[in-house]
Amino acid sequence: MLELGRGGIPQIVMNQLYKPRRCRRRSASSCWRLVDRRPQVVDLKAMLTAFVGFRREIVTRRTKYDLTRAEERAHILPACARRSSSSTWSSA
């Protein structure tokens, strides 16, 4: 929020706020990436390609880990199924 002092002209203040500045016109940035454990400047395409590859590797690792954990617990399921089918819930 912006408050004008006494005698402030709103249109002039708005013009000054929206005036294009030199720093707003530039959009260049440097993208650093570790390549073989060494920092290098890369372009946007290389940066996005590296990020997608990294995310793919992470998802693959997480999926393999979840699968391994599920396979470790799989031996419990047949025993639970037998128990639930043999138990009687009626009070006869």
Protein backbone atom coordinates (compact mmCIF):
# COMPACT_ATOMS: atom_id res chain seq x y z
CA MET A 1 0.00 0.00 0.00
CA LEU A 2 1.24 3.45 -0.86
CA GLU A 3 0.16 6.64 0.82
CA LEU A 4 0.66 10.02 -0.78
CA GLY A 5 1.80 12.96 1.23
CA ARG A 6 0.07 16.30 1.21
CA GLY A 7 0.15 17.75 -2.27
CA GLY A 8 1.08 14.45 -3.93
CA ILE A 9 -0.27 13.95 -7.44
CA PRO A 10 -1.41 10.34 -7.88
CA GLN A 11 -0.90 10.21 -11.65
CA ILE A 12 2.75 11.33 -11.40
CA VAL A 13 3.46 8.76 -8.68
CA MET A 14 1.86 5.99 -10.76
CA ASN A 15 3.87 7.02 -13.82
CA GLN A 16 7.09 6.86 -11.78
CA LEU A 17 6.21 3.41 -10.40
CA TYR A 18 5.42 1.92 -13.80
CA LYS A 19 8.30 3.58 -15.61
CA PRO A 20 10.44 0.91 -17.28
CA ARG A 21 13.70 0.55 -15.42
CA ARG A 22 16.95 -0.72 -16.83
CA CYS A 23 17.02 -3.67 -14.45
CA ARG A 24 13.52 -4.77 -15.52
CA ARG A 25 14.40 -4.83 -19.21
CA ARG A 26 17.24 -7.29 -18.80
CA SER A 27 16.34 -10.92 -18.38
CA ALA A 28 19.72 -12.57 -18.75
CA SER A 29 20.77 -15.01 -16.08
CA SER A 30 23.47 -17.57 -15.70
CA CYS A 31 22.54 -21.20 -15.11
CA TRP A 32 25.12 -23.25 -13.27
CA ARG A 33 25.07 -27.03 -13.28
CA LEU A 34 27.39 -29.66 -11.90
CA VAL A 35 28.81 -31.74 -14.74
CA ASP A 36 31.11 -34.52 -13.56
CA ARG A 37 31.33 -32.76 -10.18
CA ARG A 38 32.50 -29.53 -11.80
CA PRO A 39 30.35 -26.40 -12.10
CA GLN A 40 29.61 -25.27 -15.64
CA VAL A 41 27.43 -22.60 -17.18
CA VAL A 42 24.72 -24.19 -19.33
CA ASP A 43 21.84 -22.92 -21.43
CA LEU A 44 18.18 -23.30 -20.55
CA LYS A 45 17.64 -26.41 -22.69
CA ALA A 46 20.54 -28.25 -21.04
CA MET A 47 19.30 -27.16 -17.61
CA LEU A 48 15.79 -28.48 -18.26
CA THR A 49 17.12 -31.70 -19.76
CA ALA A 50 19.28 -32.28 -16.69
CA PHE A 51 16.36 -31.55 -14.35
CA VAL A 52 14.02 -33.97 -16.17
CA GLY A 53 16.71 -36.66 -16.10
CA PHE A 54 17.26 -36.08 -12.39
CA ARG A 55 13.53 -36.32 -11.63
CA ARG A 56 13.25 -39.50 -13.73
CA GLU A 57 16.10 -41.07 -11.73
CA ILE A 58 14.50 -40.08 -8.42
CA VAL A 59 11.09 -41.50 -9.40
CA THR A 60 12.73 -44.74 -10.58
CA ARG A 61 14.65 -45.14 -7.33
CA ARG A 62 11.58 -44.41 -5.21
CA THR A 63 9.47 -46.90 -7.20
CA LYS A 64 12.11 -49.63 -6.83
CA TYR A 65 12.30 -48.94 -3.09
CA ASP A 66 8.51 -49.12 -2.71
CA LEU A 67 8.39 -52.35 -4.72
CA THR A 68 11.09 -53.93 -2.56
CA ARG A 69 9.25 -52.95 0.62
CA ALA A 70 5.97 -54.36 -0.74
CA GLU A 71 7.66 -57.63 -1.72
CA GLU A 72 9.14 -57.91 1.77
CA ARG A 73 5.64 -57.66 3.27
CA ALA A 74 3.93 -59.87 0.68
CA HIS A 75 4.38 -63.04 2.74
CA ILE A 76 1.95 -61.66 5.34
CA LEU A 77 -1.02 -61.42 2.95
CA PRO A 78 -1.74 -65.16 2.44
CA ALA A 79 -1.72 -65.72 6.19
CA CYS A 80 -4.13 -62.82 6.73
CA ALA A 81 -6.42 -64.16 4.01
CA ARG A 82 -6.51 -67.64 5.56
CA ARG A 83 -7.20 -66.27 8.98
CA SER A 84 -10.02 -64.00 7.84
CA SER A 85 -11.69 -66.82 5.86
CA SER A 86 -11.47 -69.35 8.71
CA SER A 87 -12.67 -67.11 11.50
CA THR A 88 -16.36 -67.11 12.35
CA TRP A 89 -18.03 -63.91 13.29
CA SER A 90 -21.29 -65.42 14.48
CA SER A 91 -21.87 -66.16 18.16
CA ALA A 92 -23.33 -69.65 17.62
